[in-house]
Protein backbone atom coordinates (compact mmCIF):
# COMPACT_ATOMS: atom_id res chain seq x y z
CA MET A 1 0.00 0.00 0.00
CA THR A 2 2.83 2.45 0.81
CA ILE A 3 4.53 1.73 -2.52
CA THR A 4 1.34 2.68 -4.36
CA ARG A 5 1.09 5.91 -2.37
CA SER A 6 4.76 6.71 -3.05
CA ILE A 7 4.29 6.19 -6.78
CA ALA A 8 1.12 8.29 -6.77
CA THR A 9 2.86 11.06 -4.86
CA ALA A 10 5.81 11.04 -7.27
CA LEU A 11 3.48 11.23 -10.28
CA ILE A 12 1.51 14.10 -8.75
CA LEU A 13 4.72 16.02 -8.05
CA ILE A 14 5.91 15.49 -11.62
CA LEU A 15 2.58 16.69 -13.00
CA VAL A 16 2.57 19.74 -10.75
CA VAL A 17 6.14 20.74 -11.63
CA THR A 18 5.83 20.13 -15.37
CA GLY A 19 2.15 21.09 -15.69
CA ALA A 20 2.83 24.62 -14.48
CA LYS A 21 5.13 25.19 -17.44
CA VAL A 22 2.51 23.97 -19.91
CA ALA A 23 -0.20 26.16 -18.37
CA LEU A 24 2.00 29.26 -18.45
CA ALA A 25 3.16 28.79 -22.04
CA GLU A 26 2.22 31.70 -24.31
CA ASP A 27 2.41 29.85 -27.60
CA THR A 28 -0.34 27.20 -27.73
CA SER A 29 0.41 25.87 -31.19
CA PRO A 30 0.60 22.07 -31.58
CA THR A 31 4.38 22.26 -32.00
CA SER A 32 4.78 24.14 -28.72
CA THR A 33 2.51 21.71 -26.91
CA SER A 34 4.44 18.72 -28.20
CA ARG A 35 7.74 20.33 -27.13
CA ASP A 36 6.32 20.99 -23.66
CA THR A 37 5.16 17.38 -23.47
CA ALA A 38 8.60 16.16 -24.56
CA ALA A 39 10.22 18.40 -21.94
CA ALA A 40 7.90 17.03 -19.24
CA ALA A 41 8.74 13.46 -20.22
CA SER A 42 12.46 14.27 -20.32
CA ASN A 43 12.32 15.81 -16.85
CA VAL A 44 11.42 12.38 -15.45
CA PHE A 45 15.02 11.33 -16.18
CA TYR A 46 16.81 14.70 -16.30
CA VAL A 47 15.96 15.98 -12.81
CA PRO A 48 16.97 12.81 -10.90
CA GLY A 49 20.10 12.55 -13.07
CA LYS A 50 20.99 16.14 -12.27
CA ALA A 51 20.46 15.43 -8.55
CA ILE A 52 22.77 12.41 -8.75
CA VAL A 53 25.48 14.40 -10.54
CA CYS A 54 25.14 17.22 -8.00
CA GLY A 55 25.36 14.82 -5.08
CA LEU A 56 28.42 13.08 -6.51
CA SER A 57 30.15 16.40 -7.17
CA GLY A 58 29.46 17.36 -3.55
CA LEU A 59 31.02 14.09 -2.44
CA GLY A 60 34.00 14.84 -4.69
CA TRP A 61 34.28 18.25 -3.01
CA VAL A 62 34.44 16.61 0.43
CA ILE A 63 37.06 14.11 -0.74
CA ALA A 64 39.21 16.79 -2.43
CA MET A 65 39.01 19.09 0.59
CA THR A 66 39.95 16.21 2.90
CA LEU A 67 42.88 15.00 0.81
CA THR A 68 44.33 18.48 0.23
CA PHE A 69 43.53 19.89 3.70
CA GLY A 70 41.51 22.67 2.05
CA PHE A 71 44.23 23.93 -0.29
CA LEU A 72 42.16 23.23 -3.42
CA TYR A 73 39.09 25.07 -2.19
CA GLN A 74 38.47 27.12 -5.35
CA GLU A 75 38.96 24.14 -7.68
CA SER A 76 36.66 22.01 -5.54
CA ALA A 77 34.03 24.75 -5.43
CA ASP A 78 34.19 25.07 -9.22
CA PHE A 79 33.68 21.31 -9.51
CA VAL A 80 30.52 21.49 -7.38
CA ARG A 81 29.30 24.58 -9.23
CA GLY A 82 29.64 22.66 -12.49
CA GLY A 83 27.68 19.69 -11.17
CA CYS A 84 24.96 21.61 -9.34
CA GLY A 85 24.72 24.82 -11.35
CA GLY A 86 22.68 25.55 -14.40
CA GLN A 87 19.15 24.61 -15.27
CA TRP A 88 17.40 21.92 -13.24
CA VAL A 89 14.11 21.63 -15.18
CA LEU A 90 13.76 21.41 -18.95
CA THR A 91 11.22 23.57 -20.78
CA GLY A 92 9.74 23.41 -24.25
CA GLU A 93 12.33 25.92 -25.48
CA ASP A 94 15.09 23.45 -24.59
CA ILE A 95 13.55 20.80 -26.85
CA LYS A 96 13.64 22.92 -30.03
CA PRO A 97 14.83 21.09 -33.13
CA THR A 98 18.19 22.26 -34.38
CA PRO A 99 18.27 23.98 -37.78
CA LYS A 100 19.61 21.87 -40.62
CA GLN A 101 23.15 22.62 -41.67
CA TYR A 102 23.88 22.27 -45.39
């Protein structure tokens, strides 16, 4: 019973996070809607993957700071900033097709 509730809660959270982007979109053309849908589906894998990368970079920061007694603080901080920085949720604009190069 608790597994079913956990799955339902996770699905509701995904719909709330990704549904807000679809509702706030200005362009309601079919292409925009399909890109928003693709972004919502991609977020199912992208957000947990980003969290894993961020967590591992934080662990790398701890290891580097321990091994170097804090001498590589800036390099370690840059490593964490690279893993945890940037965009955490994809939008329809991120799923645009690339123009063809001839």
